[in-house]
Amino acid sequence: MLESNIKAVNKDVKVLLKDSQALFVAAAALSGEKAEEARTRAMQMLDAALVKAREVQSSAVVKGNELATSTDNYVKENPWCAIATAAGVGLLLGMVVRKR
């Protein structure tokens, strides 16, 4: 779910940046009140992109902390299972590296 949210926000940010670039290019050709209006709209778009990026970052931090907490709790409740899992992963990685 988090990954799909990140992809959606990345897509939105890319669209906002492209629109902002187009507005800045158009504003360079304009003068006076229309140019100021175009620059204002472009700045609003960039601010919206920054807000979305911050939201995704804070969401990722929260999810990461939740994952770390749940992993920590699992390891504390099932230490032997965690040790066996780590040993199994280490064995598989060792076999993969050895074949290369």
C-alpha atoms as a PDB file:
ATOM      1  CA  MET A   1       0.000   0.000   0.000  1.00  0.00           C
ATOM      2  CA  LEU A   2       2.788   2.404   0.882  1.00  0.00           C
ATOM      3  CA  GLU A   3       4.597   1.605  -2.355  1.00  0.00           C
ATOM      4  CA  SER A   4       1.506   2.390  -4.431  1.00  0.00           C
ATOM      5  CA  ASN A   5       1.084   5.679  -2.554  1.00  0.00           C
ATOM      6  CA  ILE A   6       4.702   6.569  -3.219  1.00  0.00           C
ATOM      7  CA  LYS A   7       4.299   5.775  -6.933  1.00  0.00           C
ATOM      8  CA  ALA A   8       1.144   7.898  -7.125  1.00  0.00           C
ATOM      9  CA  VAL A   9       2.824  10.830  -5.388  1.00  0.00           C
ATOM     10  CA  ASN A  10       5.904  10.505  -7.618  1.00  0.00           C
ATOM     11  CA  LYS A  11       3.654  10.630 -10.674  1.00  0.00           C
ATOM     12  CA  ASP A  12       1.821  13.688  -9.277  1.00  0.00           C
ATOM     13  CA  VAL A  13       5.092  15.439  -8.494  1.00  0.00           C
ATOM     14  CA  LYS A  14       6.431  14.784 -12.003  1.00  0.00           C
ATOM     15  CA  VAL A  15       3.241  16.194 -13.542  1.00  0.00           C
ATOM     16  CA  LEU A  16       3.408  19.227 -11.260  1.00  0.00           C
ATOM     17  CA  LEU A  17       7.045  19.845 -12.145  1.00  0.00           C
ATOM     18  CA  LYS A  18       6.381  19.577 -15.882  1.00  0.00           C
ATOM     19  CA  ASP A  19       3.426  21.963 -15.593  1.00  0.00           C
ATOM     20  CA  SER A  20       5.510  24.353 -13.518  1.00  0.00           C
ATOM     21  CA  GLN A  21       8.317  24.296 -16.066  1.00  0.00           C
ATOM     22  CA  ALA A  22       5.830  25.032 -18.839  1.00  0.00           C
ATOM     23  CA  LEU A  23       4.431  27.939 -16.836  1.00  0.00           C
ATOM     24  CA  PHE A  24       7.896  29.357 -16.199  1.00  0.00           C
ATOM     25  CA  VAL A  25       8.725  29.141 -19.903  1.00  0.00           C
ATOM     26  CA  ALA A  26       5.449  30.860 -20.760  1.00  0.00           C
ATOM     27  CA  ALA A  27       6.043  33.491 -18.073  1.00  0.00           C
ATOM     28  CA  ALA A  28       9.435  34.310 -19.556  1.00  0.00           C
ATOM     29  CA  ALA A  29       7.725  35.206 -22.833  1.00  0.00           C
ATOM     30  CA  LEU A  30       5.023  37.253 -21.111  1.00  0.00           C
ATOM     31  CA  SER A  31       5.344  40.570 -19.422  1.00  0.00           C
ATOM     32  CA  GLY A  32       3.464  42.519 -16.833  1.00  0.00           C
ATOM     33  CA  GLU A  33       0.459  41.195 -14.976  1.00  0.00           C
ATOM     34  CA  LYS A  34       0.129  37.925 -16.943  1.00  0.00           C
ATOM     35  CA  ALA A  35       3.742  37.017 -16.260  1.00  0.00           C
ATOM     36  CA  GLU A  36       3.298  37.614 -12.550  1.00  0.00           C
ATOM     37  CA  GLU A  37       0.139  35.485 -12.545  1.00  0.00           C
ATOM     38  CA  ALA A  38       1.944  32.640 -14.337  1.00  0.00           C
ATOM     39  CA  ARG A  39       4.857  32.805 -11.905  1.00  0.00           C
ATOM     40  CA  THR A  40       2.475  32.764  -8.957  1.00  0.00           C
ATOM     41  CA  ARG A  41       0.673  29.687 -10.308  1.00  0.00           C
ATOM     42  CA  ALA A  42       3.987  27.937 -10.918  1.00  0.00           C
ATOM     43  CA  MET A  43       5.150  28.657  -7.390  1.00  0.00           C
ATOM     44  CA  GLN A  44       1.867  27.303  -6.013  1.00  0.00           C
ATOM     45  CA  MET A  45       2.383  24.112  -8.023  1.00  0.00           C
ATOM     46  CA  LEU A  46       5.915  23.710  -6.706  1.00  0.00           C
ATOM     47  CA  ASP A  47       4.717  24.294  -3.139  1.00  0.00           C
ATOM     48  CA  ALA A  48       2.056  21.603  -3.631  1.00  0.00           C
ATOM     49  CA  ALA A  49       4.730  19.189  -4.877  1.00  0.00           C
ATOM     50  CA  LEU A  50       6.866  19.874  -1.813  1.00  0.00           C
ATOM     51  CA  VAL A  51       3.909  19.316   0.514  1.00  0.00           C
ATOM     52  CA  LYS A  52       3.156  15.957  -1.123  1.00  0.00           C
ATOM     53  CA  ALA A  53       6.802  14.926  -0.900  1.00  0.00           C
ATOM     54  CA  ARG A  54       6.880  15.799   2.806  1.00  0.00           C
ATOM     55  CA  GLU A  55       3.673  13.817   3.390  1.00  0.00           C
ATOM     56  CA  VAL A  56       5.170  10.746   1.719  1.00  0.00           C
ATOM     57  CA  GLN A  57       8.367  11.133   3.697  1.00  0.00           C
ATOM     58  CA  SER A  58       6.553  11.367   7.018  1.00  0.00           C
ATOM     59  CA  SER A  59       4.337   8.416   6.096  1.00  0.00           C
ATOM     60  CA  ALA A  60       7.397   6.349   5.198  1.00  0.00           C
ATOM     61  CA  VAL A  61       9.051   7.224   8.507  1.00  0.00           C
ATOM     62  CA  VAL A  62       5.934   6.216  10.454  1.00  0.00           C
ATOM     63  CA  LYS A  63       5.615   2.923   8.546  1.00  0.00           C
ATOM     64  CA  GLY A  64       9.325   2.230   9.016  1.00  0.00           C
ATOM     65  CA  ASN A  65       9.065   2.803  12.746  1.00  0.00           C
ATOM     66  CA  GLU A  66       6.017   0.524  12.941  1.00  0.00           C
ATOM     67  CA  LEU A  67       7.851  -2.184  11.027  1.00  0.00           C
ATOM     68  CA  ALA A  68      10.926  -1.883  13.235  1.00  0.00           C
ATOM     69  CA  THR A  69       8.799  -2.068  16.383  1.00  0.00           C
ATOM     70  CA  SER A  70       6.866  -5.110  15.189  1.00  0.00           C
ATOM     71  CA  THR A  71      10.097  -6.839  14.140  1.00  0.00           C
ATOM     72  CA  ASP A  72      11.676  -6.066  17.489  1.00  0.00           C
ATOM     73  CA  ASN A  73       8.645  -7.444  19.327  1.00  0.00           C
ATOM     74  CA  TYR A  74       8.649 -10.604  17.202  1.00  0.00           C
ATOM     75  CA  VAL A  75      12.338 -11.243  17.842  1.00  0.00           C
ATOM     76  CA  LYS A  76      11.862 -10.712  21.582  1.00  0.00           C
ATOM     77  CA  GLU A  77       8.895 -13.107  21.654  1.00  0.00           C
ATOM     78  CA  ASN A  78      10.483 -15.744  19.360  1.00  0.00           C
ATOM     79  CA  PRO A  79      14.265 -15.545  19.702  1.00  0.00           C
ATOM     80  CA  TRP A  80      14.991 -19.086  18.482  1.00  0.00           C
ATOM     81  CA  CYS A  81      12.831 -18.676  15.413  1.00  0.00           C
ATOM     82  CA  ALA A  82      14.629 -15.405  14.619  1.00  0.00           C
ATOM     83  CA  ILE A  83      18.014 -17.085  15.035  1.00  0.00           C
ATOM     84  CA  ALA A  84      16.974 -19.970  12.769  1.00  0.00           C
ATOM     85  CA  THR A  85      15.661 -17.565  10.129  1.00  0.00           C
ATOM     86  CA  ALA A  86      18.856 -15.516  10.214  1.00  0.00           C
ATOM     87  CA  ALA A  87      20.961 -18.682   9.939  1.00  0.00           C
ATOM     88  CA  GLY A  88      18.888 -19.879   6.978  1.00  0.00           C
ATOM     89  CA  VAL A  89      19.229 -16.569   5.173  1.00  0.00           C
ATOM     90  CA  GLY A  90      22.961 -16.549   5.883  1.00  0.00           C
ATOM     91  CA  LEU A  91      23.294 -20.081   4.520  1.00  0.00           C
ATOM     92  CA  LEU A  92      21.428 -19.203   1.328  1.00  0.00           C
ATOM     93  CA  LEU A  93      23.471 -16.034   0.785  1.00  0.00           C
ATOM     94  CA  GLY A  94      26.672 -17.987   1.398  1.00  0.00           C
ATOM     95  CA  MET A  95      25.677 -20.554  -1.217  1.00  0.00           C
ATOM     96  CA  VAL A  96      24.828 -17.854  -3.756  1.00  0.00           C
ATOM     97  CA  VAL A  97      28.089 -15.977  -3.195  1.00  0.00           C
ATOM     98  CA  ARG A  98      30.117 -19.192  -3.297  1.00  0.00           C
ATOM     99  CA  LYS A  99      28.728 -20.153  -6.728  1.00  0.00           C
ATOM    100  CA  ARG A 100      29.896 -16.876  -8.234  1.00  0.00           C
END
